[in-house]
């Protein structure tokens, strides 16, 4: 880790009130700051971290970036005066990255980033020490903090790169300098900041901005716009994976889906081109994860691990992980099974969750508790309405909707445009939805899919079913 003087040098800052204190870590939040952390005050939507400098030092901060001396008290030690505290954090992480000569994986995409990260961490951990970004530390603040936490004894690093605004992925890639990149897909997300999916594809491919020529870039080969644009990126070892396209290097064959115990498929590698091409079934992979989308995540992590030289037996063992909380995780309740997919929502992920629901064989009924999908801009009403046929195809008996955009979907289903047996209700209160859900569920073998964007806090309904629901059938 840096000394205060080294930190000032790497961020082109001016060191004030120097004291001999070790920097143990970095923090942007005084509520989670540990003694010895270097405090980075950032500007939020409602407040400015500079107003919490006193609290940071009371908690034992070892120093702080500051953009102006007007915020200082005489007892603040190891102050590094910089023009931009957010940029200083990125610069510090970028400099720290140069101390490592190990494989560093950067994962981006419109879906599956966290699950792919967890799978790859599980696989590589069987070979060496792996540092992974915690939780969803994938933003302009989260990624540098995750990088600065990497231990010097690490053999691998696995990180997520998120996207909200144009330029995000490229900026984070330049900080991370990945030796290996993964793009899990590109679809309709963050459309309030992008014109169309084409722009999102271009942004995801900015992952290469921090990658050296010759680095390995692995992409979801079943996403046409992504693969076509990726092929135009010269100087990289492009590897494609997927289920549908025979042009992929790695394929998933003989899929087994729809079982509560998880998924399995044959891992196939294709070599050569044209008439000289060959396909070899390498092994069968089994995972506790569910759904076709997780086939792609398992395939991405297994393919990259092979490209990194990992043995097949370690890959087979490493992919045997259980679902991550709030990502198609299964929760038992007295009326059957809740499919908790409440971490976030976009059109592709929602279609995937409905496909998984359709594959489940239950003797009872299937219900869909759905909250709005956010960050879709002007496309939001249409994106919600377009889900009607997928809800019908999933065999949903009743959709229970919450949110202004979900109201469009409820109307679409109830007008009978798509046909089918599904009924739909829309609610303007959470309590009313819970009450209706409680009257609908009968018997012991029902399946309830709960999904919505983060801001909708749909996990409340998972808790209701798990902890508060009382089945009226003995």
Protein backbone atom coordinates (compact mmCIF):
# COMPACT_ATOMS: atom_id res chain seq x y z
CA UNK A 1 0.00 0.00 0.00
CA UNK A 2 1.11 3.59 -0.56
CA UNK A 3 2.64 5.96 1.96
CA UNK A 4 0.98 9.41 2.09
CA UNK A 5 3.94 10.85 0.15
CA UNK A 6 3.67 8.20 -2.58
CA UNK A 7 -0.08 8.77 -2.78
CA UNK A 8 0.46 12.49 -3.33
CA UNK A 9 3.01 11.74 -6.06
CA UNK A 10 0.73 9.29 -7.91
CA UNK A 11 -2.23 11.69 -7.83
CA UNK A 12 -0.26 14.89 -8.55
CA UNK A 13 -1.42 16.24 -5.20
CA UNK A 14 0.17 18.34 -2.48
CA UNK A 15 0.80 16.66 0.88
CA UNK A 16 -0.15 18.76 3.95
CA UNK A 17 0.27 18.04 7.67
CA UNK A 18 2.29 14.88 7.08
CA UNK A 19 2.37 12.31 9.87
CA UNK A 20 3.89 8.84 10.03
CA UNK A 21 0.68 6.85 9.74
CA UNK A 22 0.18 3.73 7.62
CA UNK A 23 -2.61 3.69 5.06
CA UNK A 24 -4.52 0.45 5.67
CA UNK A 25 -7.22 0.90 3.01
CA UNK A 26 -9.52 3.41 1.33
CA UNK A 27 -13.08 4.51 2.05
CA UNK A 28 -15.66 6.90 0.61
CA UNK A 29 -18.18 6.40 3.43
CA UNK A 30 -17.57 7.31 7.08
CA UNK A 31 -20.25 4.82 8.13
CA UNK A 32 -18.07 1.92 6.99
CA UNK A 33 -14.63 3.52 7.44
CA UNK A 34 -12.17 1.42 9.44
CA UNK A 35 -9.31 2.81 11.48
CA UNK A 36 -6.36 3.44 9.19
CA UNK A 37 -8.46 3.96 6.04
CA UNK A 38 -7.64 6.89 3.80
CA UNK A 39 -10.84 8.91 3.29
CA UNK A 40 -11.97 9.98 -0.19
CA UNK A 41 -14.76 12.58 -0.02
CA UNK A 42 -16.92 12.35 -3.14
CA UNK A 43 -19.88 14.41 -4.25
CA UNK A 44 -23.24 12.65 -4.14
CA UNK A 45 -26.65 13.71 -5.38
CA UNK A 46 -27.61 15.10 -1.98
CA UNK A 47 -24.41 15.93 -0.13
CA UNK A 48 -20.65 16.38 -0.38
CA UNK A 49 -18.24 14.04 1.38
CA UNK A 50 -16.07 16.99 2.42
CA UNK A 51 -18.64 17.80 5.09
CA UNK A 52 -17.79 14.48 6.77
CA UNK A 53 -14.03 15.04 7.11
CA UNK A 54 -14.25 15.65 10.85
CA UNK A 55 -16.25 12.44 11.31
CA UNK A 56 -13.72 10.52 9.20
CA UNK A 57 -10.79 11.59 11.36
CA UNK A 58 -12.76 10.92 14.53
CA UNK A 59 -13.19 7.36 13.22
CA UNK A 60 -9.42 7.02 12.77
CA UNK A 61 -8.80 7.98 9.14
CA UNK A 62 -5.11 7.92 8.20
CA UNK A 63 -5.52 10.85 5.84
CA UNK A 64 -7.80 12.22 3.13
CA UNK A 65 -7.98 13.69 -0.33
CA UNK A 66 -9.31 17.26 -0.21
CA UNK A 67 -10.06 19.63 -3.06
CA UNK A 68 -9.71 22.86 -1.06
CA UNK A 69 -7.92 23.96 2.12
CA UNK A 70 -11.13 25.66 3.27
CA UNK A 71 -12.36 22.28 4.53
CA UNK A 72 -9.33 21.65 6.76
CA UNK A 73 -8.88 21.75 10.50
CA UNK A 74 -5.40 22.03 11.97
CA UNK A 75 -5.50 18.51 13.42
CA UNK A 76 -6.27 16.79 10.11
CA UNK A 77 -3.20 14.75 9.15
CA UNK A 78 -1.89 13.50 5.81
CA UNK A 79 -4.08 15.68 3.66
CA UNK A 80 -3.47 15.30 -0.06
CA UNK A 81 -4.73 18.43 -1.82
CA UNK A 82 -6.03 17.58 -5.32
CA UNK A 83 -8.19 19.28 -7.93
CA UNK A 84 -10.67 16.40 -8.19
CA UNK A 85 -11.06 13.78 -5.44
CA UNK A 86 -12.87 11.31 -7.70
CA UNK A 87 -10.11 11.47 -10.29
CA UNK A 88 -7.51 11.11 -7.53
CA UNK A 89 -9.16 7.86 -6.45
CA UNK A 90 -8.97 6.53 -10.02
CA UNK A 91 -5.36 7.66 -10.36
CA UNK A 92 -4.40 5.96 -7.09
CA UNK A 93 -6.00 2.69 -8.22
CA UNK A 94 -4.36 2.91 -11.63
CA UNK A 95 -0.93 3.35 -10.04
CA UNK A 96 -1.56 0.48 -7.63
CA UNK A 97 -2.46 -1.76 -10.57
CA UNK A 98 1.06 -1.39 -11.99
CA UNK A 99 2.45 -3.27 -8.98
CA UNK A 100 0.81 -6.52 -10.17
CA UNK A 101 2.01 -8.84 -12.92
CA UNK A 102 -0.80 -11.38 -12.67
CA UNK A 103 -3.86 -12.31 -14.78
CA UNK A 104 -6.53 -9.65 -14.26
CA UNK A 105 -10.02 -10.36 -15.61
CA UNK A 106 -12.46 -7.55 -16.41
CA UNK A 107 -16.11 -8.57 -16.85
CA UNK A 108 -18.78 -6.32 -18.33
CA UNK A 109 -22.15 -6.84 -20.01
CA UNK A 110 -25.83 -6.01 -19.71
CA UNK A 111 -26.45 -9.12 -17.60
CA UNK A 112 -24.61 -11.90 -15.81
CA UNK A 113 -21.56 -9.93 -14.64
CA UNK A 114 -21.76 -10.85 -10.96
CA UNK A 115 -22.64 -14.50 -11.54
CA UNK A 116 -19.83 -14.92 -14.07
CA UNK A 117 -17.45 -13.25 -11.62
CA UNK A 118 -18.47 -15.63 -8.83
CA UNK A 119 -18.13 -18.66 -11.09
CA UNK A 120 -14.68 -17.63 -12.30
CA UNK A 121 -13.60 -16.90 -8.72
CA UNK A 122 -14.77 -20.36 -7.68
CA UNK A 123 -12.84 -22.02 -10.51
CA UNK A 124 -9.58 -20.07 -10.17
CA UNK A 125 -9.60 -20.43 -6.36
CA UNK A 126 -8.84 -24.12 -6.90
CA UNK A 127 -5.56 -23.07 -8.51
CA UNK A 128 -4.41 -20.05 -6.51
CA UNK A 129 -5.35 -17.00 -4.46
CA UNK A 130 -8.06 -14.91 -6.16
CA UNK A 131 -9.08 -11.36 -5.36
CA UNK A 132 -12.57 -10.47 -6.60
CA UNK A 133 -14.47 -7.22 -6.45
CA UNK A 134 -16.93 -7.43 -3.54
CA UNK A 135 -20.67 -7.25 -4.21
CA UNK A 136 -21.40 -4.90 -7.08
CA UNK A 137 -18.27 -2.75 -6.75
CA UNK A 138 -18.26 -1.95 -10.46
CA UNK A 139 -18.68 1.83 -10.66
CA UNK A 140 -16.24 4.74 -10.92
CA UNK A 141 -16.00 4.55 -7.12
CA UNK A 142 -16.51 0.83 -6.55
CA UNK A 143 -13.97 -0.55 -9.01
CA UNK A 144 -10.99 1.52 -7.83
CA UNK A 145 -11.85 0.72 -4.21
CA UNK A 146 -12.00 -2.97 -5.08
CA UNK A 147 -8.67 -2.76 -6.90
CA UNK A 148 -7.00 -0.94 -4.02
CA UNK A 149 -8.11 -3.77 -1.69
CA UNK A 150 -6.23 -6.42 -3.70
CA UNK A 151 -3.62 -8.18 -1.60
CA UNK A 152 -0.08 -8.27 -2.91
CA UNK A 153 -0.06 -12.07 -2.62
CA UNK A 154 -2.97 -12.51 -5.05
CA UNK A 155 -2.46 -14.85 -8.01
CA UNK A 156 -5.51 -13.61 -9.94
CA UNK A 157 -7.86 -10.63 -9.94
CA UNK A 158 -11.50 -10.78 -11.12
CA UNK A 159 -13.46 -7.53 -11.44
CA UNK A 160 -16.77 -6.22 -12.75
CA UNK A 161 -17.06 -3.08 -14.87
CA UNK A 162 -20.48 -1.47 -14.75
CA UNK A 163 -22.16 0.95 -17.13
CA UNK A 164 -24.52 3.81 -16.51
CA UNK A 165 -23.19 6.76 -18.51
CA UNK A 166 -21.28 6.97 -21.80
CA UNK A 167 -17.56 6.51 -21.22
CA UNK A 168 -17.85 4.51 -18.01
CA UNK A 169 -16.50 1.19 -19.29
CA UNK A 170 -13.55 2.72 -21.14
CA UNK A 171 -12.55 4.81 -18.15
CA UNK A 172 -12.68 1.85 -15.78
CA UNK A 173 -10.82 -0.38 -18.21
CA UNK A 174 -7.95 2.08 -18.41
CA UNK A 175 -7.69 1.93 -14.61
CA UNK A 176 -7.95 -1.87 -14.40
CA UNK A 177 -5.81 -2.77 -17.47
CA UNK A 178 -7.31 -6.27 -17.81
CA UNK A 179 -5.23 -9.08 -19.28
CA UNK A 180 -8.47 -10.93 -20.07
CA UNK A 181 -11.86 -9.43 -20.87
CA UNK A 182 -15.37 -10.92 -20.85
CA UNK A 183 -18.47 -9.35 -22.38
CA UNK A 184 -21.53 -11.34 -21.29
CA UNK A 185 -23.94 -9.58 -23.66
CA UNK A 186 -25.47 -6.26 -24.63
CA UNK A 187 -29.14 -5.34 -24.50
CA UNK A 188 -31.76 -2.78 -23.55
CA UNK A 189 -30.47 -1.21 -20.35
CA UNK A 190 -29.70 2.39 -19.41
CA UNK A 191 -31.59 3.62 -22.46
CA UNK A 192 -32.14 7.01 -20.85
CA UNK A 193 -28.44 7.66 -21.57
CA UNK A 194 -28.04 5.78 -24.87
CA UNK A 195 -29.82 6.04 -28.22
CA UNK A 196 -30.09 2.31 -28.88
CA UNK A 197 -28.54 -1.11 -28.31
CA UNK A 198 -25.88 -0.32 -30.92
CA UNK A 199 -24.48 2.42 -28.70
CA UNK A 200 -24.50 0.05 -25.73
CA UNK A 201 -22.54 -2.51 -27.77
CA UNK A 202 -19.96 0.15 -28.62
CA UNK A 203 -19.70 1.09 -24.96
CA UNK A 204 -19.23 -2.50 -23.80
CA UNK A 205 -16.44 -2.95 -26.33
CA UNK A 206 -14.61 -0.05 -24.70
CA UNK A 207 -13.46 -2.79 -22.34
CA UNK A 208 -10.52 -3.08 -24.74
CA UNK A 209 -9.38 0.49 -23.97
CA UNK A 210 -7.16 -0.68 -21.12
CA UNK A 211 -6.16 -4.02 -22.65
CA UNK A 212 -2.81 -4.59 -24.35
CA UNK A 213 -2.76 -5.91 -27.94
CA UNK A 214 -2.82 -9.69 -27.92
CA UNK A 215 -4.97 -9.87 -24.80
CA UNK A 216 -7.82 -12.37 -24.70
CA UNK A 217 -11.33 -10.99 -25.28
CA UNK A 218 -14.17 -13.48 -24.84
CA UNK A 219 -17.69 -12.49 -25.89
CA UNK A 220 -21.19 -13.94 -26.03
CA UNK A 221 -21.25 -15.18 -29.63
CA UNK A 222 -25.03 -15.52 -29.71
CA UNK A 223 -25.51 -11.74 -29.51
CA UNK A 224 -25.20 -10.78 -33.16
CA UNK A 225 -24.57 -7.01 -32.86
CA UNK A 226 -21.89 -7.66 -30.25
CA UNK A 227 -19.99 -10.30 -32.22
CA UNK A 228 -20.05 -8.28 -35.45
CA UNK A 229 -18.60 -5.22 -33.73
CA UNK A 230 -16.12 -7.29 -31.70
CA UNK A 231 -14.75 -8.79 -34.92
CA UNK A 232 -13.78 -5.28 -36.01
CA UNK A 233 -11.55 -4.89 -32.95
CA UNK A 234 -8.18 -5.89 -34.32
CA UNK A 235 -5.18 -7.00 -32.32
CA UNK A 236 -7.02 -9.09 -29.73
CA UNK A 237 -7.44 -12.85 -29.33
CA UNK A 238 -11.22 -12.97 -29.85
CA UNK A 239 -12.98 -16.04 -28.42
CA UNK A 240 -16.73 -16.56 -28.82
CA UNK A 241 -18.99 -18.76 -26.72
CA UNK A 242 -22.66 -19.62 -26.93
CA UNK A 243 -25.47 -22.09 -27.42
CA UNK A 244 -26.90 -21.24 -30.81
CA UNK A 245 -24.24 -20.15 -33.29
CA UNK A 246 -21.96 -22.87 -34.77
CA UNK A 247 -19.36 -20.12 -35.29
CA UNK A 248 -18.59 -20.10 -31.57
CA UNK A 249 -15.35 -21.59 -30.29
CA UNK A 250 -17.02 -22.91 -27.14
CA UNK A 251 -20.52 -24.36 -27.18
CA UNK A 252 -23.03 -25.74 -24.70
CA UNK A 253 -24.77 -28.88 -25.95
CA UNK A 254 -27.33 -31.34 -24.58
CA UNK A 255 -28.75 -28.84 -22.09
CA UNK A 256 -30.68 -29.99 -19.05
CA UNK A 257 -32.80 -27.15 -17.64
CA UNK A 258 -35.90 -26.55 -15.58
CA UNK A 259 -34.89 -28.64 -12.59
CA UNK A 260 -34.80 -27.20 -9.07
CA UNK A 261 -31.47 -28.95 -8.52
CA UNK A 262 -29.73 -26.88 -11.20
CA UNK A 263 -28.51 -27.13 -14.79
CA UNK A 264 -26.07 -29.20 -16.80
CA UNK A 265 -24.65 -29.28 -20.31
CA UNK A 266 -21.82 -30.67 -22.40
CA UNK A 267 -18.88 -28.31 -22.83
CA UNK A 268 -17.84 -28.46 -26.49
CA UNK A 269 -14.80 -26.87 -28.12
CA UNK A 270 -14.59 -26.23 -31.82
CA UNK A 271 -11.22 -26.10 -33.56
CA UNK A 272 -10.36 -25.16 -37.12
CA UNK A 273 -12.52 -23.56 -39.79
CA UNK A 274 -14.70 -24.70 -42.65
CA UNK A 275 -14.30 -28.29 -43.79
CA UNK A 276 -11.31 -28.74 -41.48
CA UNK A 277 -13.23 -27.78 -38.36
CA UNK A 278 -13.73 -30.29 -35.53
CA UNK A 279 -15.89 -30.28 -32.44
CA UNK A 280 -14.83 -32.06 -29.28
CA UNK A 281 -17.02 -32.68 -26.24
CA UNK A 282 -14.64 -31.95 -23.38
CA UNK A 283 -16.77 -32.82 -20.36
CA UNK A 284 -20.19 -32.34 -18.81
CA UNK A 285 -20.60 -29.35 -16.52
CA UNK A 286 -23.15 -29.38 -13.69
CA UNK A 287 -24.09 -26.37 -11.57
CA UNK A 288 -26.56 -25.49 -8.85
CA UNK A 289 -27.52 -22.42 -10.87
CA UNK A 290 -30.75 -22.29 -12.86
CA UNK A 291 -31.97 -21.07 -16.28
CA UNK A 292 -30.62 -20.75 -19.78
CA UNK A 293 -28.99 -17.41 -18.91
CA UNK A 294 -26.82 -19.17 -16.35
CA UNK A 295 -25.80 -21.71 -18.99
CA UNK A 296 -24.14 -18.75 -20.68
CA UNK A 297 -22.53 -17.63 -17.43
CA UNK A 298 -21.16 -21.09 -16.67
CA UNK A 299 -19.99 -21.41 -20.28
CA UNK A 300 -18.28 -17.99 -20.20
CA UNK A 301 -16.39 -18.74 -17.00
CA UNK A 302 -15.45 -22.26 -18.04
CA UNK A 303 -14.29 -21.14 -21.49
CA UNK A 304 -12.13 -18.34 -20.10
CA UNK A 305 -10.68 -20.63 -17.44
CA UNK A 306 -9.65 -23.08 -20.18
CA UNK A 307 -8.05 -20.24 -22.13
CA UNK A 308 -6.15 -19.35 -18.96
CA UNK A 309 -4.78 -22.89 -18.72
CA UNK A 310 -7.05 -24.29 -16.00
CA UNK A 311 -7.53 -28.06 -16.00
CA UNK A 312 -10.95 -29.49 -16.79
CA UNK A 313 -11.37 -31.23 -13.44
CA UNK A 314 -10.98 -27.91 -11.64
CA UNK A 315 -13.53 -26.26 -13.93
CA UNK A 316 -16.01 -29.07 -13.33
CA UNK A 317 -15.60 -28.67 -9.58
CA UNK A 318 -15.54 -24.87 -9.65
CA UNK A 319 -18.87 -24.36 -11.45
CA UNK A 320 -20.76 -26.33 -8.80
CA UNK A 321 -21.93 -23.21 -7.00
CA UNK A 322 -25.37 -22.39 -5.65
CA UNK A 323 -27.50 -19.45 -6.85
CA UNK A 324 -26.41 -16.02 -5.67
CA UNK A 325 -28.88 -14.29 -3.39
CA UNK A 326 -31.60 -12.39 -5.30
CA UNK A 327 -30.46 -13.82 -8.64
CA UNK A 328 -32.83 -16.68 -9.48
CA UNK A 329 -32.31 -18.06 -6.00
CA UNK A 330 -34.97 -20.44 -4.69
CA UNK A 331 -36.73 -19.75 -1.40
CA UNK A 332 -39.10 -22.26 0.18
CA UNK A 333 -42.37 -21.11 1.75
CA UNK A 334 -45.50 -22.88 2.94
CA UNK A 335 -47.15 -22.55 -0.47
CA UNK A 336 -44.25 -23.86 -2.55
CA UNK A 337 -41.19 -22.09 -4.01
CA UNK A 338 -40.33 -18.43 -4.50
CA UNK A 339 -37.98 -17.63 -7.36
CA UNK A 340 -36.18 -14.60 -5.96
CA UNK A 341 -34.81 -12.56 -8.87
CA UNK A 342 -35.16 -9.18 -7.20
CA UNK A 343 -31.63 -7.85 -7.51
CA UNK A 344 -32.45 -5.90 -10.67
CA UNK A 345 -34.43 -6.11 -13.89
CA UNK A 346 -34.14 -5.38 -17.58
CA UNK A 347 -36.12 -6.85 -20.52
CA UNK A 348 -33.64 -9.63 -21.35
CA UNK A 349 -33.24 -10.72 -17.73
CA UNK A 350 -37.01 -10.69 -17.20
CA UNK A 351 -37.60 -12.83 -20.27
CA UNK A 352 -34.98 -15.25 -18.98
CA UNK A 353 -36.63 -15.49 -15.57
CA UNK A 354 -40.00 -16.15 -17.21
CA UNK A 355 -38.43 -18.85 -19.36
CA UNK A 356 -37.11 -20.55 -16.25
CA UNK A 357 -40.57 -20.31 -14.65
CA UNK A 358 -42.08 -21.91 -17.76
CA UNK A 359 -39.70 -24.88 -17.50
CA UNK A 360 -40.59 -25.71 -13.89
CA UNK A 361 -42.89 -28.67 -13.38
CA UNK A 362 -45.16 -27.88 -10.42
CA UNK A 363 -48.53 -29.36 -9.53
CA UNK A 364 -49.83 -26.01 -8.31
CA UNK A 365 -50.05 -22.60 -9.98
CA UNK A 366 -47.47 -20.12 -11.22
CA UNK A 367 -47.58 -16.47 -10.20
CA UNK A 368 -45.52 -13.47 -11.25
CA UNK A 369 -45.03 -10.55 -8.84
CA UNK A 370 -43.46 -7.82 -10.98
CA UNK A 371 -42.21 -4.30 -10.34
CA UNK A 372 -41.11 -1.69 -12.86
CA UNK A 373 -37.94 -2.03 -14.90
CA UNK A 374 -36.04 1.24 -14.55
CA UNK A 375 -33.52 3.16 -16.70
CA UNK A 376 -35.25 2.42 -20.01
CA UNK A 377 -35.95 6.03 -20.97
CA UNK A 378 -38.64 6.56 -23.60
CA UNK A 379 -38.58 2.83 -24.35
CA UNK A 380 -40.01 1.94 -20.92
CA UNK A 381 -43.74 1.65 -21.82
CA UNK A 382 -43.08 -0.50 -24.88
CA UNK A 383 -40.51 -2.70 -23.11
CA UNK A 384 -43.07 -3.52 -20.42
CA UNK A 385 -45.92 -4.15 -22.87
CA UNK A 386 -43.72 -6.43 -24.97
CA UNK A 387 -43.41 -8.86 -22.05
CA UNK A 388 -47.08 -9.87 -22.32
CA UNK A 389 -46.51 -12.83 -24.65
CA UNK A 390 -43.64 -14.09 -22.48
CA UNK A 391 -45.82 -13.97 -19.36
CA UNK A 392 -48.49 -15.94 -21.19
CA UNK A 393 -46.00 -18.49 -22.51
CA UNK A 394 -44.62 -19.07 -19.02
CA UNK A 395 -47.97 -20.46 -17.90
CA UNK A 396 -48.51 -17.72 -15.32
CA UNK A 397 -51.93 -17.93 -13.73
CA UNK A 398 -51.82 -14.38 -12.35
CA UNK A 399 -49.55 -11.40 -12.77
CA UNK A 400 -49.51 -8.95 -9.86
CA UNK A 401 -47.93 -5.66 -10.92
CA UNK A 402 -46.53 -2.70 -9.04
CA UNK A 403 -45.34 0.55 -10.64
CA UNK A 404 -46.48 2.92 -13.36
CA UNK A 405 -44.87 1.05 -16.25
CA UNK A 406 -46.01 -2.38 -15.10
CA UNK A 407 -49.53 -0.99 -15.37
CA UNK A 408 -49.00 -1.01 -19.16
CA UNK A 409 -48.23 -4.74 -19.05
CA UNK A 410 -51.27 -5.50 -16.91
CA UNK A 411 -53.49 -3.67 -19.40
CA UNK A 412 -51.89 -5.50 -22.33
CA UNK A 413 -52.62 -8.88 -20.75
CA UNK A 414 -56.16 -8.05 -19.67
CA UNK A 415 -57.21 -6.68 -23.07
CA UNK A 416 -56.54 -10.12 -24.48
CA UNK A 417 -54.19 -8.91 -27.20
CA UNK A 418 -51.83 -11.83 -26.66
CA UNK A 419 -54.48 -14.37 -25.76
CA UNK A 420 -53.98 -17.08 -23.16
CA UNK A 421 -55.23 -17.89 -19.67
CA UNK A 422 -53.17 -15.37 -17.68
CA UNK A 423 -54.99 -12.80 -15.57
CA UNK A 424 -53.38 -9.64 -14.25
CA UNK A 425 -53.91 -7.16 -11.43
CA UNK A 426 -52.22 -3.82 -10.84
CA UNK A 427 -51.76 -2.32 -7.36
CA UNK A 428 -50.94 1.14 -6.09
CA UNK A 429 -49.95 -0.15 -2.67
CA UNK A 430 -47.69 -2.91 -1.46
CA UNK A 431 -50.08 -4.03 1.24
CA UNK A 432 -52.90 -4.48 -1.27
CA UNK A 433 -50.66 -6.65 -3.44
CA UNK A 434 -49.69 -8.81 -0.47
CA UNK A 435 -53.32 -9.25 0.52
CA UNK A 436 -54.30 -10.31 -2.99
CA UNK A 437 -51.35 -12.67 -3.30
CA UNK A 438 -52.27 -14.29 -0.01
CA UNK A 439 -55.78 -15.07 -1.25
CA UNK A 440 -54.59 -16.48 -4.57
CA UNK A 441 -52.07 -19.05 -3.38
CA UNK A 442 -53.64 -22.39 -2.53
CA UNK A 443 -51.97 -25.74 -1.97
CA UNK A 444 -48.32 -26.60 -1.41
CA UNK A 445 -46.59 -26.78 -4.80
CA UNK A 446 -46.89 -23.34 -6.34
CA UNK A 447 -44.11 -21.28 -7.94
CA UNK A 448 -43.94 -17.51 -7.46
CA UNK A 449 -41.47 -15.45 -9.50
CA UNK A 450 -40.65 -12.09 -7.90
CA UNK A 451 -38.73 -9.56 -9.99
CA UNK A 452 -38.22 -5.83 -10.48
CA UNK A 453 -35.55 -3.15 -10.57
CA UNK A 454 -33.50 -2.31 -7.51
CA UNK A 455 -35.45 0.85 -6.74
CA UNK A 456 -38.70 -1.15 -6.51
CA UNK A 457 -37.40 -3.14 -3.49
CA UNK A 458 -39.30 -6.25 -4.55
CA UNK A 459 -37.45 -8.37 -1.98
CA UNK A 460 -40.16 -7.21 0.43
CA UNK A 461 -42.54 -9.67 -1.23
CA UNK A 462 -40.05 -12.51 -0.95
CA UNK A 463 -39.84 -11.81 2.79
CA UNK A 464 -43.64 -11.71 3.01
CA UNK A 465 -43.98 -15.16 1.46
CA UNK A 466 -41.09 -16.68 3.38
CA UNK A 467 -41.79 -15.20 6.80
CA UNK A 468 -45.35 -13.87 6.90
CA UNK A 469 -47.47 -15.94 4.53
CA UNK A 470 -49.79 -18.47 6.11
CA UNK A 471 -51.22 -21.04 3.73
CA UNK A 472 -54.93 -21.56 4.24
CA UNK A 473 -54.64 -25.19 3.15
CA UNK A 474 -53.57 -27.65 5.85
